[in-house]
Amino acid sequence: MRHMGTSELETDRLILRRFTMEDAEPMYRNWASDENVTKYLTWPAHANVGVTRGVLKDWIAKYSEADFYNWCIELKEIGEPIGNLAVVSHDDATDSATMGWCMGVRWWGRGIMPEAGRAVLQYLFAEVGFNRIVAKHDVENRKSGRVMQKLSMVQEGTFRASGRNNRGVVDEVVYSILREDYEKTQAKDMQLTWRRKTREETHGR
């Protein structure tokens, strides 16, 4: 495995990049101050933008570390950050990592987090060399579970009273995807794209 840090990634709608101090105001406004966003998270909603600046200062300092992965999700259409996606822990002995994410309520249900997640999975598997990526969600946070399903992650089980967040001690649902699973899914997607393109070309004639 070769740690490469938080490299900039781009999708159709998003730029995934490192945070800067200029992101403090939109981060606070778009998601960090919203208790609806932080309900299932381990940190409380920020009381003021000063708290957000303090968090960003810590994150930015860690970008010098090759094994620190924390992306700012910038939506191209507004040119502002709307959430973040990070590797919250990793184990080099097993080439495994755990991902976590959050995003402003205004952008829920638009397929944005799966779009960001697919880009990060590709980077972590193909570039960094992880073999297993895990994601967990509070059993009540079904929206997060749907993101994991859209990323082709496999549900491994529900672990009772295994996590703590702003609701207290909670049951956690654990999903994972292995590199071989990802590669099979990617190959399948390529085949479907080719078949769709072929049908469109045939119909066009």
N, C-alpha and C. Protein backbone atom coordinates (compact mmCIF):
# COMPACT_ATOMS: atom_id res chain seq x y z
N MET A 1 0.84 -1.19 0.00
CA MET A 1 0.00 0.00 0.00
C MET A 1 0.89 1.25 0.00
N ARG A 2 0.46 2.27 -0.73
CA ARG A 2 1.25 3.49 -0.84
C ARG A 2 0.37 4.70 -0.50
N HIS A 3 0.51 5.20 0.72
CA HIS A 3 -0.30 6.34 1.14
C HIS A 3 0.06 7.57 0.31
N MET A 4 -0.96 8.26 -0.17
CA MET A 4 -0.76 9.40 -1.07
C MET A 4 -1.47 10.65 -0.60
N GLY A 5 -2.13 10.60 0.56
CA GLY A 5 -2.79 11.78 1.09
C GLY A 5 -4.04 12.16 0.31
N THR A 6 -4.57 13.32 0.62
CA THR A 6 -5.83 13.79 0.05
C THR A 6 -5.57 14.47 -1.29
N SER A 7 -5.60 13.71 -2.35
CA SER A 7 -5.41 14.25 -3.69
C SER A 7 -6.73 14.77 -4.24
N GLU A 8 -6.67 15.78 -5.11
CA GLU A 8 -7.90 16.34 -5.68
C GLU A 8 -8.50 15.37 -6.70
N LEU A 9 -9.81 15.20 -6.61
CA LEU A 9 -10.56 14.33 -7.51
C LEU A 9 -11.69 15.14 -8.12
N GLU A 10 -12.18 14.72 -9.26
CA GLU A 10 -13.26 15.45 -9.92
C GLU A 10 -14.26 14.48 -10.53
N THR A 11 -15.54 14.82 -10.41
CA THR A 11 -16.62 14.05 -11.03
C THR A 11 -17.42 15.02 -11.89
N ASP A 12 -18.52 14.55 -12.46
CA ASP A 12 -19.34 15.42 -13.31
C ASP A 12 -19.81 16.66 -12.57
N ARG A 13 -20.24 16.48 -11.33
CA ARG A 13 -20.81 17.62 -10.58
C ARG A 13 -19.95 18.15 -9.46
N LEU A 14 -18.87 17.43 -9.13
CA LEU A 14 -18.15 17.73 -7.90
C LEU A 14 -16.66 17.92 -8.09
N ILE A 15 -16.08 18.72 -7.22
CA ILE A 15 -14.64 18.77 -7.03
C ILE A 15 -14.37 18.31 -5.60
N LEU A 16 -13.59 17.27 -5.45
CA LEU A 16 -13.21 16.76 -4.13
C LEU A 16 -11.79 17.20 -3.87
N ARG A 17 -11.62 18.04 -2.89
CA ARG A 17 -10.33 18.70 -2.68
C ARG A 17 -10.03 18.84 -1.18
N ARG A 18 -8.87 19.39 -0.89
CA ARG A 18 -8.52 19.68 0.49
C ARG A 18 -9.28 20.92 0.97
N PHE A 19 -9.57 20.93 2.25
CA PHE A 19 -10.20 22.11 2.83
C PHE A 19 -9.19 23.25 2.96
N THR A 20 -9.68 24.48 2.93
CA THR A 20 -8.87 25.67 3.22
C THR A 20 -9.63 26.48 4.28
N MET A 21 -8.97 27.46 4.86
CA MET A 21 -9.63 28.28 5.87
C MET A 21 -10.77 29.09 5.26
N GLU A 22 -10.73 29.34 3.96
CA GLU A 22 -11.82 30.08 3.30
C GLU A 22 -13.13 29.29 3.29
N ASP A 23 -13.05 27.99 3.61
CA ASP A 23 -14.25 27.16 3.62
C ASP A 23 -15.03 27.26 4.93
N ALA A 24 -14.53 28.00 5.90
CA ALA A 24 -15.17 28.04 7.22
C ALA A 24 -16.61 28.53 7.16
N GLU A 25 -16.86 29.66 6.53
CA GLU A 25 -18.21 30.22 6.48
C GLU A 25 -19.20 29.29 5.78
N PRO A 26 -18.91 28.82 4.55
CA PRO A 26 -19.87 27.92 3.90
C PRO A 26 -20.01 26.58 4.61
N MET A 27 -18.94 26.07 5.21
CA MET A 27 -19.05 24.82 5.96
C MET A 27 -20.00 25.00 7.13
N TYR A 28 -19.83 26.07 7.87
CA TYR A 28 -20.70 26.35 9.02
C TYR A 28 -22.14 26.52 8.55
N ARG A 29 -22.33 27.29 7.49
CA ARG A 29 -23.68 27.61 7.00
C ARG A 29 -24.36 26.40 6.35
N ASN A 30 -23.60 25.62 5.58
CA ASN A 30 -24.21 24.57 4.75
C ASN A 30 -24.45 23.25 5.47
N TRP A 31 -23.66 22.96 6.52
CA TRP A 31 -23.93 21.71 7.23
C TRP A 31 -23.45 21.62 8.67
N ALA A 32 -22.36 22.26 9.04
CA ALA A 32 -21.78 22.01 10.36
C ALA A 32 -22.62 22.57 11.51
N SER A 33 -23.48 23.55 11.24
CA SER A 33 -24.31 24.15 12.29
C SER A 33 -25.69 23.53 12.39
N ASP A 34 -25.98 22.55 11.55
CA ASP A 34 -27.32 21.98 11.44
C ASP A 34 -27.46 20.69 12.26
N GLU A 35 -28.32 20.72 13.27
CA GLU A 35 -28.50 19.54 14.11
C GLU A 35 -29.15 18.38 13.37
N ASN A 36 -29.83 18.67 12.27
CA ASN A 36 -30.38 17.59 11.45
C ASN A 36 -29.27 16.79 10.79
N VAL A 37 -28.16 17.46 10.48
CA VAL A 37 -26.99 16.79 9.89
C VAL A 37 -26.22 16.01 10.94
N THR A 38 -26.06 16.60 12.11
CA THR A 38 -25.19 16.00 13.13
C THR A 38 -25.90 15.01 14.05
N LYS A 39 -27.19 14.81 13.85
CA LYS A 39 -27.96 13.93 14.73
C LYS A 39 -27.30 12.58 14.91
N TYR A 40 -26.81 11.99 13.83
CA TYR A 40 -26.23 10.65 13.90
C TYR A 40 -24.70 10.68 13.89
N LEU A 41 -24.11 11.84 14.08
CA LEU A 41 -22.65 11.96 14.05
C LEU A 41 -22.08 11.96 15.46
N THR A 42 -20.76 11.91 15.55
CA THR A 42 -20.09 11.84 16.85
C THR A 42 -19.72 13.22 17.38
N TRP A 43 -19.91 14.26 16.56
CA TRP A 43 -19.59 15.62 17.02
C TRP A 43 -20.86 16.48 16.97
N PRO A 44 -20.99 17.44 17.92
CA PRO A 44 -22.19 18.26 17.98
C PRO A 44 -22.18 19.35 16.92
N ALA A 45 -23.37 19.87 16.61
CA ALA A 45 -23.46 21.00 15.69
C ALA A 45 -22.63 22.16 16.21
N HIS A 46 -21.94 22.85 15.31
CA HIS A 46 -21.07 23.95 15.72
C HIS A 46 -21.90 25.13 16.20
N ALA A 47 -21.54 25.66 17.36
CA ALA A 47 -22.27 26.78 17.95
C ALA A 47 -22.04 28.08 17.21
N ASN A 48 -20.88 28.21 16.59
CA ASN A 48 -20.55 29.42 15.84
C ASN A 48 -19.44 29.10 14.86
N VAL A 49 -19.18 30.03 13.96
CA VAL A 49 -18.19 29.78 12.91
C VAL A 49 -16.78 29.66 13.47
N GLY A 50 -16.57 30.17 14.67
CA GLY A 50 -15.26 30.03 15.30
C GLY A 50 -14.91 28.58 15.56
N VAL A 51 -15.92 27.78 15.93
CA VAL A 51 -15.71 26.34 16.13
C VAL A 51 -15.30 25.70 14.81
N THR A 52 -15.97 26.10 13.74
CA THR A 52 -15.65 25.56 12.43
C THR A 52 -14.22 25.90 12.03
N ARG A 53 -13.81 27.11 12.29
CA ARG A 53 -12.43 27.51 11.97
C ARG A 53 -11.43 26.66 12.74
N GLY A 54 -11.74 26.36 13.99
CA GLY A 54 -10.84 25.53 14.79
C GLY A 54 -10.71 24.13 14.23
N VAL A 55 -11.82 23.56 13.79
CA VAL A 55 -11.79 22.23 13.18
C VAL A 55 -10.97 22.25 11.90
N LEU A 56 -11.21 23.26 11.06
CA LEU A 56 -10.47 23.35 9.80
C LEU A 56 -8.97 23.53 10.04
N LYS A 57 -8.62 24.28 11.04
CA LYS A 57 -7.20 24.48 11.35
C LYS A 57 -6.52 23.14 11.65
N ASP A 58 -7.21 22.30 12.41
CA ASP A 58 -6.66 20.97 12.73
C ASP A 58 -6.56 20.11 11.49
N TRP A 59 -7.62 20.10 10.67
CA TRP A 59 -7.60 19.29 9.45
C TRP A 59 -6.49 19.73 8.51
N ILE A 60 -6.39 21.01 8.29
CA ILE A 60 -5.41 21.53 7.33
C ILE A 60 -3.99 21.17 7.77
N ALA A 61 -3.73 21.22 9.08
CA ALA A 61 -2.40 20.86 9.59
C ALA A 61 -2.07 19.39 9.29
N LYS A 62 -3.10 18.55 9.25
CA LYS A 62 -2.87 17.12 9.03
C LYS A 62 -2.67 16.75 7.56
N TYR A 63 -2.93 17.69 6.65
CA TYR A 63 -2.74 17.38 5.24
C TYR A 63 -1.29 17.09 4.89
N SER A 64 -0.37 17.45 5.77
CA SER A 64 1.04 17.13 5.52
C SER A 64 1.33 15.65 5.75
N GLU A 65 0.38 14.92 6.36
CA GLU A 65 0.55 13.51 6.64
C GLU A 65 0.03 12.69 5.46
N ALA A 66 0.85 11.78 4.96
CA ALA A 66 0.50 11.01 3.76
C ALA A 66 -0.68 10.08 3.96
N ASP A 67 -1.00 9.74 5.22
CA ASP A 67 -2.11 8.81 5.46
C ASP A 67 -3.35 9.52 5.99
N PHE A 68 -3.46 10.83 5.74
CA PHE A 68 -4.64 11.59 6.14
C PHE A 68 -5.50 11.85 4.90
N TYR A 69 -6.74 11.39 4.96
CA TYR A 69 -7.65 11.50 3.82
C TYR A 69 -8.94 12.18 4.26
N ASN A 70 -9.13 13.40 3.82
CA ASN A 70 -10.34 14.15 4.20
C ASN A 70 -10.68 15.13 3.07
N TRP A 71 -11.74 14.80 2.35
CA TRP A 71 -12.10 15.61 1.18
C TRP A 71 -13.22 16.59 1.47
N CYS A 72 -13.05 17.79 1.00
CA CYS A 72 -14.11 18.78 0.94
C CYS A 72 -14.91 18.49 -0.34
N ILE A 73 -16.23 18.37 -0.21
CA ILE A 73 -17.09 18.12 -1.37
C ILE A 73 -17.61 19.46 -1.87
N GLU A 74 -17.06 19.93 -2.97
CA GLU A 74 -17.49 21.20 -3.54
C GLU A 74 -18.43 20.95 -4.72
N LEU A 75 -19.61 21.53 -4.67
CA LEU A 75 -20.58 21.40 -5.75
C LEU A 75 -20.28 22.46 -6.80
N LYS A 76 -20.00 22.01 -8.00
CA LYS A 76 -19.57 22.93 -9.06
C LYS A 76 -20.60 24.02 -9.34
N GLU A 77 -21.89 23.67 -9.30
CA GLU A 77 -22.92 24.61 -9.71
C GLU A 77 -23.03 25.82 -8.78
N ILE A 78 -22.54 25.71 -7.54
CA ILE A 78 -22.57 26.85 -6.63
C ILE A 78 -21.18 27.29 -6.20
N GLY A 79 -20.15 26.47 -6.49
CA GLY A 79 -18.79 26.82 -6.13
C GLY A 79 -18.54 26.88 -4.64
N GLU A 80 -19.29 26.07 -3.87
CA GLU A 80 -19.14 26.05 -2.42
C GLU A 80 -19.08 24.62 -1.90
N PRO A 81 -18.42 24.43 -0.75
CA PRO A 81 -18.43 23.11 -0.13
C PRO A 81 -19.80 22.82 0.47
N ILE A 82 -20.27 21.57 0.31
CA ILE A 82 -21.58 21.19 0.85
C ILE A 82 -21.47 20.00 1.80
N GLY A 83 -20.26 19.47 1.99
CA GLY A 83 -20.08 18.34 2.90
C GLY A 83 -18.65 17.85 2.87
N ASN A 84 -18.42 16.75 3.56
CA ASN A 84 -17.08 16.17 3.50
C ASN A 84 -17.14 14.65 3.55
N LEU A 85 -16.09 14.02 3.06
CA LEU A 85 -15.95 12.57 3.04
C LEU A 85 -14.53 12.25 3.45
N ALA A 86 -14.37 11.38 4.45
CA ALA A 86 -13.05 11.15 5.01
C ALA A 86 -12.81 9.68 5.33
N VAL A 87 -11.55 9.32 5.40
CA VAL A 87 -11.15 8.04 5.99
C VAL A 87 -10.98 8.32 7.48
N VAL A 88 -11.88 7.78 8.29
CA VAL A 88 -11.85 8.11 9.71
C VAL A 88 -10.89 7.22 10.49
N SER A 89 -10.53 6.08 9.89
CA SER A 89 -9.52 5.22 10.50
C SER A 89 -9.01 4.25 9.44
N HIS A 90 -7.82 3.72 9.65
CA HIS A 90 -7.29 2.71 8.73
C HIS A 90 -6.33 1.79 9.46
N ASP A 91 -6.16 0.60 8.92
CA ASP A 91 -5.29 -0.41 9.50
C ASP A 91 -4.37 -0.94 8.40
N ASP A 92 -3.12 -0.53 8.44
CA ASP A 92 -2.18 -0.93 7.40
C ASP A 92 -1.86 -2.42 7.45
N ALA A 93 -2.06 -3.05 8.60
CA ALA A 93 -1.77 -4.47 8.71
C ALA A 93 -2.72 -5.30 7.86
N THR A 94 -3.94 -4.78 7.66
CA THR A 94 -4.92 -5.51 6.86
C THR A 94 -5.31 -4.74 5.60
N ASP A 95 -4.63 -3.63 5.33
CA ASP A 95 -4.93 -2.79 4.16
C ASP A 95 -6.41 -2.41 4.13
N SER A 96 -6.93 -2.03 5.29
CA SER A 96 -8.35 -1.71 5.38
C SER A 96 -8.55 -0.29 5.90
N ALA A 97 -9.71 0.26 5.58
CA ALA A 97 -10.02 1.63 6.00
C ALA A 97 -11.52 1.75 6.26
N THR A 98 -11.87 2.71 7.11
CA THR A 98 -13.27 3.01 7.38
C THR A 98 -13.57 4.42 6.91
N MET A 99 -14.62 4.56 6.10
CA MET A 99 -15.01 5.87 5.57
C MET A 99 -16.20 6.42 6.35
N GLY A 100 -16.27 7.77 6.38
CA GLY A 100 -17.42 8.44 6.97
C GLY A 100 -17.71 9.70 6.17
N TRP A 101 -18.95 10.19 6.24
CA TRP A 101 -19.31 11.36 5.44
C TRP A 101 -20.47 12.11 6.07
N CYS A 102 -20.66 13.34 5.63
CA CYS A 102 -21.83 14.12 6.00
C CYS A 102 -22.02 15.20 4.94
N MET A 103 -23.25 15.69 4.83
CA MET A 103 -23.57 16.67 3.79
C MET A 103 -24.80 17.47 4.20
N GLY A 104 -24.87 18.72 3.72
CA GLY A 104 -25.99 19.59 4.03
C GLY A 104 -27.32 19.03 3.57
N VAL A 105 -28.36 19.25 4.37
CA VAL A 105 -29.69 18.70 4.09
C VAL A 105 -30.22 19.11 2.73
N ARG A 106 -29.92 20.33 2.29
CA ARG A 106 -30.44 20.83 1.02
C ARG A 106 -30.07 19.95 -0.16
N TRP A 107 -29.00 19.16 -0.02
CA TRP A 107 -28.51 18.37 -1.16
C TRP A 107 -28.75 16.88 -1.00
N TRP A 108 -29.51 16.49 0.03
CA TRP A 108 -29.84 15.09 0.20
C TRP A 108 -30.75 14.63 -0.93
N GLY A 109 -30.65 13.37 -1.28
CA GLY A 109 -31.55 12.79 -2.26
C GLY A 109 -31.24 13.12 -3.71
N ARG A 110 -30.07 13.68 -3.98
CA ARG A 110 -29.70 14.03 -5.35
C ARG A 110 -28.57 13.15 -5.89
N GLY A 111 -28.22 12.11 -5.18
CA GLY A 111 -27.17 11.19 -5.64
C GLY A 111 -25.77 11.77 -5.54
N ILE A 112 -25.62 12.83 -4.77
CA ILE A 112 -24.31 13.49 -4.69
C ILE A 112 -23.31 12.69 -3.87
N MET A 113 -23.74 12.16 -2.71
CA MET A 113 -22.79 11.42 -1.89
C MET A 113 -22.34 10.12 -2.56
N PRO A 114 -23.23 9.35 -3.21
CA PRO A 114 -22.73 8.18 -3.96
C PRO A 114 -21.75 8.58 -5.06
N GLU A 115 -21.98 9.72 -5.70
CA GLU A 115 -21.06 10.19 -6.74
C GLU A 115 -19.68 10.47 -6.15
N ALA A 116 -19.66 11.14 -5.00
CA ALA A 116 -18.39 11.41 -4.33
C ALA A 116 -17.75 10.12 -3.84
N GLY A 117 -18.57 9.23 -3.29
CA GLY A 117 -18.05 7.98 -2.76
C GLY A 117 -17.41 7.10 -3.81
N ARG A 118 -18.01 7.06 -5.00
CA ARG A 118 -17.42 6.24 -6.07
C ARG A 118 -16.04 6.76 -6.46
N ALA A 119 -15.89 8.07 -6.51
CA ALA A 119 -14.58 8.65 -6.87
C ALA A 119 -13.54 8.32 -5.80
N VAL A 120 -13.94 8.40 -4.54
CA VAL A 120 -13.00 8.12 -3.44
C VAL A 120 -12.66 6.64 -3.40
N LEU A 121 -13.64 5.77 -3.61
CA LEU A 121 -13.35 4.33 -3.63
C LEU A 121 -12.34 4.00 -4.72
N GLN A 122 -12.53 4.57 -5.89
CA GLN A 122 -11.59 4.31 -6.99
C GLN A 122 -10.18 4.74 -6.59
N TYR A 123 -10.08 5.90 -5.97
CA TYR A 123 -8.78 6.41 -5.55
C TYR A 123 -8.15 5.50 -4.48
N LEU A 124 -8.93 5.13 -3.47
CA LEU A 124 -8.40 4.33 -2.37
C LEU A 124 -8.00 2.93 -2.81
N PHE A 125 -8.76 2.34 -3.73
CA PHE A 125 -8.43 1.00 -4.22
C PHE A 125 -7.31 1.04 -5.26
N ALA A 126 -7.49 1.84 -6.30
CA ALA A 126 -6.59 1.81 -7.45
C ALA A 126 -5.28 2.55 -7.22
N GLU A 127 -5.33 3.65 -6.49
CA GLU A 127 -4.13 4.47 -6.31
C GLU A 127 -3.40 4.18 -5.00
N VAL A 128 -4.14 4.15 -3.91
CA VAL A 128 -3.51 3.94 -2.60
C VAL A 128 -3.23 2.46 -2.35
N GLY A 129 -4.17 1.60 -2.76
CA GLY A 129 -3.94 0.17 -2.61
C GLY A 129 -4.66 -0.49 -1.46
N PHE A 130 -5.69 0.16 -0.91
CA PHE A 130 -6.47 -0.51 0.13
C PHE A 130 -7.15 -1.75 -0.46
N ASN A 131 -7.41 -2.73 0.41
CA ASN A 131 -8.08 -3.96 -0.04
C ASN A 131 -9.51 -4.05 0.48
N ARG A 132 -9.80 -3.37 1.58
CA ARG A 132 -11.14 -3.44 2.19
C ARG A 132 -11.53 -2.06 2.69
N ILE A 133 -12.73 -1.62 2.32
CA ILE A 133 -13.26 -0.34 2.78
C ILE A 133 -14.56 -0.61 3.53
N VAL A 134 -14.66 -0.05 4.71
CA VAL A 134 -15.81 -0.25 5.59
C VAL A 134 -16.55 1.06 5.79
N ALA A 135 -17.86 0.98 5.97
CA ALA A 135 -18.66 2.13 6.38
C ALA A 135 -19.70 1.65 7.37
N LYS A 136 -20.04 2.49 8.35
CA LYS A 136 -21.00 2.11 9.39
C LYS A 136 -22.06 3.20 9.52
N HIS A 137 -23.26 2.79 9.93
CA HIS A 137 -24.27 3.80 10.22
C HIS A 137 -25.13 3.39 11.40
N ASP A 138 -25.58 4.39 12.14
CA ASP A 138 -26.57 4.19 13.19
C ASP A 138 -27.75 3.46 12.58
N VAL A 139 -28.26 2.45 13.26
CA VAL A 139 -29.35 1.64 12.71
C VAL A 139 -30.56 2.49 12.32
N GLU A 140 -30.72 3.66 12.92
CA GLU A 140 -31.84 4.54 12.60
C GLU A 140 -31.56 5.43 11.39
N ASN A 141 -30.31 5.52 10.98
CA ASN A 141 -29.92 6.43 9.89
C ASN A 141 -29.93 5.66 8.56
N ARG A 142 -31.12 5.36 8.10
CA ARG A 142 -31.25 4.52 6.91
C ARG A 142 -30.79 5.21 5.63
N LYS A 143 -30.84 6.54 5.61
CA LYS A 143 -30.37 7.27 4.42
C LYS A 143 -28.90 6.99 4.16
N SER A 144 -28.11 6.94 5.23
CA SER A 144 -26.69 6.64 5.07
C SER A 144 -26.50 5.21 4.57
N GLY A 145 -27.34 4.30 5.03
CA GLY A 145 -27.27 2.93 4.56
C GLY A 145 -27.55 2.82 3.07
N ARG A 146 -28.47 3.65 2.56
CA ARG A 146 -28.77 3.61 1.13
C ARG A 146 -27.59 4.08 0.30
N VAL A 147 -26.82 5.03 0.83
CA VAL A 147 -25.60 5.46 0.14
C VAL A 147 -24.64 4.28 0.03
N MET A 148 -24.47 3.54 1.09
CA MET A 148 -23.57 2.39 1.09
C MET A 148 -24.03 1.34 0.08
N GLN A 149 -25.34 1.13 0.00
CA GLN A 149 -25.86 0.18 -0.98
C GLN A 149 -25.58 0.65 -2.40
N LYS A 150 -25.72 1.96 -2.66
CA LYS A 150 -25.46 2.50 -3.99
C LYS A 150 -23.98 2.41 -4.36
N LEU A 151 -23.12 2.30 -3.35
CA LEU A 151 -21.69 2.12 -3.58
C LEU A 151 -21.33 0.64 -3.74
N SER A 152 -22.35 -0.21 -3.84
CA SER A 152 -22.17 -1.67 -4.00
C SER A 152 -21.50 -2.30 -2.79
N MET A 153 -21.65 -1.68 -1.63
CA MET A 153 -21.12 -2.27 -0.40
C MET A 153 -22.06 -3.35 0.09
N VAL A 154 -21.50 -4.34 0.76
CA VAL A 154 -22.26 -5.49 1.25
C VAL A 154 -22.51 -5.34 2.75
N GLN A 155 -23.76 -5.53 3.16
CA GLN A 155 -24.07 -5.45 4.58
C GLN A 155 -23.53 -6.68 5.30
N GLU A 156 -22.70 -6.46 6.31
CA GLU A 156 -22.10 -7.57 7.05
C GLU A 156 -22.89 -7.93 8.29
N GLY A 157 -23.62 -6.96 8.84
CA GLY A 157 -24.39 -7.28 10.03
C GLY A 157 -24.66 -6.05 10.87
N THR A 158 -25.43 -6.24 11.93
CA THR A 158 -25.74 -5.17 12.88
C THR A 158 -25.08 -5.51 14.20
N PHE A 159 -24.28 -4.59 14.68
CA PHE A 159 -23.54 -4.79 15.92
C PHE A 159 -24.25 -4.02 17.04
N ARG A 160 -24.74 -4.75 18.02
CA ARG A 160 -25.55 -4.14 19.06
C ARG A 160 -24.72 -3.29 20.01
N ALA A 161 -25.24 -2.09 20.29
CA ALA A 161 -24.62 -1.17 21.27
C ALA A 161 -23.12 -1.01 21.02
N SER A 162 -22.74 -0.89 19.76
CA SER A 162 -21.31 -0.86 19.43
C SER A 162 -20.79 0.53 19.11
N GLY A 163 -21.68 1.52 19.02
CA GLY A 163 -21.22 2.86 18.67
C GLY A 163 -21.84 3.92 19.58
N ARG A 164 -21.22 5.08 19.58
CA ARG A 164 -21.77 6.20 20.34
C ARG A 164 -21.80 7.44 19.45
N ASN A 165 -22.93 8.10 19.40
CA ASN A 165 -23.05 9.36 18.66
C ASN A 165 -23.90 10.33 19.47
N ASN A 166 -24.44 11.33 18.82
CA ASN A 166 -25.22 12.34 19.54
C ASN A 166 -26.54 11.80 20.10
N ARG A 167 -26.93 10.60 19.72
CA ARG A 167 -28.12 9.96 20.29
C ARG A 167 -27.77 9.10 21.50
N GLY A 168 -26.48 8.90 21.75
CA GLY A 168 -26.04 8.04 22.84
C GLY A 168 -25.41 6.77 22.29
N VAL A 169 -25.49 5.67 23.04
CA VAL A 169 -24.97 4.39 22.59
C VAL A 169 -26.00 3.77 21.64
N VAL A 170 -25.54 3.36 20.46
CA VAL A 170 -26.47 2.90 19.42
C VAL A 170 -25.99 1.60 18.77
N ASP A 171 -26.94 0.92 18.15
CA ASP A 171 -26.60 -0.23 17.30
C ASP A 171 -26.06 0.31 15.97
N GLU A 172 -25.05 -0.36 15.43
CA GLU A 172 -24.44 0.06 14.18
C GLU A 172 -24.59 -1.02 13.11
N VAL A 173 -24.94 -0.59 11.90
CA VAL A 173 -24.97 -1.49 10.75
C VAL A 173 -23.66 -1.32 9.99
N VAL A 174 -23.00 -2.42 9.70
CA VAL A 174 -21.67 -2.39 9.07
C VAL A 174 -21.75 -2.90 7.64
N TYR A 175 -21.20 -2.11 6.73
CA TYR A 175 -21.09 -2.48 5.31
C TYR A 175 -19.62 -2.52 4.94
N SER A 176 -19.29 -3.28 3.89
CA SER A 176 -17.92 -3.28 3.40
C SER A 176 -17.90 -3.59 1.91
N ILE A 177 -16.77 -3.27 1.31
CA ILE A 177 -16.51 -3.65 -0.08
C ILE A 177 -15.02 -3.97 -0.20
N LEU A 178 -14.71 -5.08 -0.87
CA LEU A 178 -13.32 -5.46 -1.12
C LEU A 178 -12.90 -4.97 -2.50
N ARG A 179 -11.60 -4.88 -2.70
CA ARG A 179 -11.10 -4.44 -3.99
C ARG A 179 -11.61 -5.33 -5.12
N GLU A 180 -11.64 -6.65 -4.89
CA GLU A 180 -12.11 -7.55 -5.94
C GLU A 180 -13.59 -7.32 -6.25
N ASP A 181 -14.39 -7.00 -5.22
CA ASP A 181 -15.80 -6.68 -5.44
C ASP A 181 -15.93 -5.42 -6.29
N TYR A 182 -15.12 -4.41 -5.94
CA TYR A 182 -15.16 -3.14 -6.65
C TYR A 182 -14.79 -3.34 -8.12
N GLU A 183 -13.73 -4.12 -8.36
CA GLU A 183 -13.28 -4.33 -9.73
C GLU A 183 -14.34 -5.06 -10.56
N LYS A 184 -15.05 -6.02 -9.94
CA LYS A 184 -16.13 -6.72 -10.65
C LYS A 184 -17.27 -5.77 -10.97
N THR A 185 -17.61 -4.90 -10.01
CA THR A 185 -18.68 -3.93 -10.22
C THR A 185 -18.31 -2.95 -11.31
N GLN A 186 -17.06 -2.51 -11.28
CA GLN A 186 -16.58 -1.56 -12.30
C GLN A 186 -16.64 -2.19 -13.68
N ALA A 187 -16.22 -3.47 -13.78
CA ALA A 187 -16.26 -4.16 -15.08
C ALA A 187 -17.70 -4.31 -15.57
N LYS A 188 -18.62 -4.62 -14.65
CA LYS A 188 -20.03 -4.76 -15.00
C LYS A 188 -20.59 -3.43 -15.50
N ASP A 189 -20.24 -2.32 -14.81
CA ASP A 189 -20.71 -1.00 -15.22
C ASP A 189 -20.21 -0.64 -16.61
N MET A 190 -18.96 -1.01 -16.90
CA MET A 190 -18.39 -0.74 -18.21
C MET A 190 -19.15 -1.51 -19.29
N GLN A 191 -19.51 -2.78 -19.00
CA GLN A 191 -20.26 -3.59 -19.95
C GLN A 191 -21.64 -3.00 -20.21
N LEU A 192 -22.31 -2.54 -19.14
CA LEU A 192 -23.63 -1.95 -19.28
C LEU A 192 -23.56 -0.66 -20.09
N THR A 193 -22.51 0.14 -19.86
CA THR A 193 -22.33 1.38 -20.61
C THR A 193 -22.11 1.07 -22.09
N TRP A 194 -21.30 0.06 -22.36
CA TRP A 194 -21.03 -0.32 -23.76
C TRP A 194 -22.29 -0.81 -24.44
N ARG A 195 -23.08 -1.64 -23.74
CA ARG A 195 -24.32 -2.15 -24.32
C ARG A 195 -25.31 -1.02 -24.57
N ARG A 196 -25.39 -0.07 -23.63
CA ARG A 196 -26.30 1.06 -23.80
C ARG A 196 -25.88 1.90 -25.00
N LYS A 197 -24.57 2.13 -25.11
CA LYS A 197 -24.06 2.92 -26.23
C LYS A 197 -24.33 2.22 -27.56
N THR A 198 -24.15 0.89 -27.57
CA THR A 198 -24.39 0.12 -28.79
C THR A 198 -25.85 0.20 -29.20
N ARG A 199 -26.76 0.07 -28.26
CA ARG A 199 -28.19 0.16 -28.56
C ARG A 199 -28.55 1.53 -29.11
N GLU A 200 -27.96 2.58 -28.53
CA GLU A 200 -28.25 3.94 -28.97
C GLU A 200 -27.73 4.15 -30.40
N GLU A 201 -26.55 3.62 -30.68
CA GLU A 201 -26.00 3.77 -32.03
C GLU A 201 -26.84 3.00 -33.05
N THR A 202 -27.27 1.80 -32.67
CA THR A 202 -28.12 1.00 -33.57
C THR A 202 -29.44 1.68 -33.82
N HIS A 203 -30.03 2.22 -32.79
CA HIS A 203 -31.31 2.92 -32.92
C HIS A 203 -31.15 4.17 -33.78
N GLY A 204 -29.98 4.80 -33.64
CA GLY A 204 -29.72 6.04 -34.40
C GLY A 204 -29.64 5.79 -35.88
N ARG A 205 -29.20 4.60 -36.28
CA ARG A 205 -29.13 4.26 -37.70
C ARG A 205 -30.54 4.11 -38.30
